[in-house]
Amino acid sequence: GEGWGQKIGTDATPKLGGAVIYSITTTIATGGHGTFICPSYANEGETITCSSEPNIGYELVLKVNGNAHTGNTFTMPAENTTLLVDFTKIDYAVTTATGLTGGSISASATAQYQDEVTVTVTPATGYKLDEITVTDASGNAVAVAAVFKIRELRVYE
């Protein structure tokens, strides 16, 4: 029939219109941590948008034909294409207040989803801890389960 005279890439499926059709092979790294769906075939030059949904605390890491790629959209090259998909843990920044009077506060610089974060508060002589407020990147208060460990106990008579 008309339109079946186009070139076909190896392991490709013919389509009408005379365009070269190439295969897309997707490999998801062991462990999963999200879902990724992409077409199996495409025309050269076609914009391919894959569906990606990482689990909470993970982000998509995609390689197209061995090259690192940002996002989940790419232009189909003139060859059969291999996608390597991985979902890696996100390192979230942990920041503490600076310029405090009456002591200091410190914590690790980064943490991953569901990590335990240790915050060390060192009051200056004559000061005591009043409160600690934890907020997310948007400034919203975050509920925390606090565990206090006393390193030194002074008794005054």
Protein backbone atom coordinates (compact mmCIF):
# COMPACT_ATOMS: atom_id res chain seq x y z
CA GLY A 1 0.00 0.00 0.00
CA GLU A 2 0.89 3.63 -0.35
CA GLY A 3 3.22 5.07 2.32
CA TRP A 4 4.99 1.79 3.13
CA GLY A 5 8.16 2.62 1.18
CA GLN A 6 9.98 4.38 4.05
CA LYS A 7 13.29 3.34 5.62
CA ILE A 8 12.97 1.47 8.90
CA GLY A 9 15.60 1.48 11.69
CA THR A 10 16.70 -1.90 13.05
CA ASP A 11 14.01 -3.42 15.31
CA ALA A 12 11.60 -0.65 14.29
CA THR A 13 7.91 -0.78 13.41
CA PRO A 14 6.77 0.72 10.09
CA LYS A 15 4.41 3.68 10.08
CA LEU A 16 2.74 5.53 7.24
CA GLY A 17 4.14 8.78 5.92
CA GLY A 18 7.63 7.80 4.74
CA ALA A 19 9.45 8.74 8.00
CA VAL A 20 12.24 6.63 9.48
CA ILE A 21 11.05 4.95 12.68
CA TYR A 22 13.50 4.10 15.48
CA SER A 23 13.09 2.04 18.64
CA ILE A 24 13.32 3.35 22.21
CA THR A 25 14.53 0.81 24.78
CA THR A 26 14.05 1.79 28.43
CA THR A 27 16.02 0.20 31.27
CA ILE A 28 15.14 1.11 34.86
CA ALA A 29 17.90 0.68 37.45
CA THR A 30 17.48 -1.87 40.23
CA GLY A 31 15.49 -0.57 43.18
CA GLY A 32 12.89 1.39 41.28
CA HIS A 33 11.89 4.28 43.58
CA GLY A 34 9.50 5.67 40.97
CA THR A 35 7.68 5.07 37.70
CA PHE A 36 8.80 5.93 34.17
CA ILE A 37 6.80 5.36 30.97
CA CYS A 38 8.03 6.19 27.47
CA PRO A 39 6.98 5.26 23.91
CA SER A 40 8.73 2.27 22.31
CA TYR A 41 9.11 3.80 18.81
CA ALA A 42 9.39 7.29 17.34
CA ASN A 43 10.23 9.25 14.20
CA GLU A 44 13.55 11.03 13.88
CA GLY A 45 13.19 14.61 15.16
CA GLU A 46 9.97 13.86 17.08
CA THR A 47 9.69 15.42 20.55
CA ILE A 48 9.35 12.56 23.02
CA THR A 49 7.80 13.23 26.42
CA CYS A 50 8.05 10.41 28.92
CA SER A 51 5.99 10.16 32.09
CA SER A 52 8.07 10.20 35.27
CA GLU A 53 6.92 10.05 38.88
CA PRO A 54 9.70 9.63 41.46
CA ASN A 55 8.81 8.42 44.97
CA ILE A 56 8.93 11.03 47.75
CA GLY A 57 12.52 12.05 48.41
CA TYR A 58 13.83 10.84 45.02
CA GLU A 59 14.56 12.53 41.70
CA LEU A 60 14.83 11.30 38.12
CA VAL A 61 18.30 10.70 36.66
CA LEU A 62 18.05 9.99 32.92
CA LYS A 63 20.66 9.05 30.33
CA VAL A 64 19.77 9.09 26.63
CA ASN A 65 22.19 6.91 24.63
CA GLY A 66 24.65 7.10 27.54
CA ASN A 67 24.55 10.90 27.87
CA ALA A 68 23.17 12.61 30.98
CA HIS A 69 19.87 14.35 30.24
CA THR A 70 17.85 16.84 32.28
CA GLY A 71 14.08 16.38 32.42
CA ASN A 72 11.86 13.78 30.78
CA THR A 73 11.54 15.25 27.25
CA PHE A 74 14.01 14.75 24.40
CA THR A 75 14.20 14.96 20.61
CA MET A 76 14.37 11.55 18.94
CA PRO A 77 17.75 11.10 17.27
CA ALA A 78 18.27 9.34 13.93
CA GLU A 79 19.10 6.02 15.61
CA ASN A 80 17.63 3.40 17.89
CA THR A 81 17.75 4.90 21.35
CA THR A 82 18.45 3.52 24.81
CA LEU A 83 17.17 5.23 27.95
CA LEU A 84 18.77 4.43 31.30
CA VAL A 85 16.49 5.52 34.14
CA ASP A 86 17.45 5.80 37.79
CA PHE A 87 15.82 7.49 40.76
CA THR A 88 18.32 8.81 43.30
CA LYS A 89 17.81 10.25 46.76
CA ILE A 90 17.64 14.03 46.97
CA ASP A 91 20.10 15.79 49.28
CA TYR A 92 18.15 18.53 51.04
CA ALA A 93 20.03 21.52 52.47
CA VAL A 94 19.90 21.92 56.25
CA THR A 95 20.56 25.48 57.39
CA THR A 96 20.72 26.95 60.84
CA ALA A 97 20.25 30.50 62.05
CA THR A 98 23.34 32.71 62.05
CA GLY A 99 24.22 35.78 64.08
CA LEU A 100 22.66 34.43 67.27
CA THR A 101 23.43 36.01 70.61
CA GLY A 102 23.58 33.85 73.70
CA GLY A 103 24.98 30.71 72.08
CA SER A 104 25.33 28.73 68.90
CA ILE A 105 23.48 26.10 66.90
CA SER A 106 24.80 23.58 64.37
CA ALA A 107 23.55 20.66 62.26
CA SER A 108 24.71 18.57 59.30
CA ALA A 109 24.71 20.49 56.00
CA THR A 110 22.42 18.04 54.16
CA ALA A 111 19.88 15.31 54.86
CA GLN A 112 17.80 12.92 52.79
CA TYR A 113 14.11 12.10 53.13
CA GLN A 114 13.41 10.44 56.52
CA ASP A 115 17.00 10.92 57.74
CA GLU A 116 17.51 11.75 61.39
CA VAL A 117 19.04 15.21 61.76
CA THR A 118 21.01 16.05 64.87
CA VAL A 119 20.90 19.69 65.95
CA THR A 120 23.44 20.79 68.53
CA VAL A 121 22.60 23.84 70.65
CA THR A 122 25.30 25.32 72.83
CA PRO A 123 24.05 28.12 75.09
CA ALA A 124 26.57 30.73 76.24
CA THR A 125 27.20 31.07 79.97
CA GLY A 126 24.10 32.47 81.64
CA TYR A 127 21.77 31.52 78.78
CA LYS A 128 19.41 28.59 78.27
CA LEU A 129 17.55 27.21 75.28
CA ASP A 130 14.13 28.81 74.92
CA GLU A 131 12.78 27.17 71.74
CA ILE A 132 13.74 25.60 68.42
CA THR A 133 11.61 26.18 65.35
CA VAL A 134 12.01 23.97 62.27
CA THR A 135 10.67 25.16 58.90
CA ASP A 136 10.63 23.78 55.36
CA ALA A 137 12.04 25.61 52.31
CA SER A 138 8.79 27.61 52.06
CA GLY A 139 8.98 28.78 55.68
CA ASN A 140 6.18 26.50 56.92
CA ALA A 141 6.59 25.02 60.39
CA VAL A 142 7.55 21.34 60.43
CA ALA A 143 6.51 19.03 63.25
CA VAL A 144 9.51 17.24 64.72
CA ALA A 145 10.03 14.46 67.19
CA ALA A 146 12.67 15.84 69.52
CA VAL A 147 15.02 13.70 71.54
CA PHE A 148 17.09 15.57 74.06
CA LYS A 149 20.40 14.24 75.33
CA ILE A 150 22.05 15.96 78.24
CA ARG A 151 25.84 15.87 78.01
CA GLU A 152 26.52 17.66 81.26
CA LEU A 153 24.41 18.28 84.34
CA ARG A 154 25.42 20.96 86.79
CA VAL A 155 23.85 21.09 90.25
CA TYR A 156 24.03 24.38 92.13
CA GLU A 157 23.36 24.57 95.84
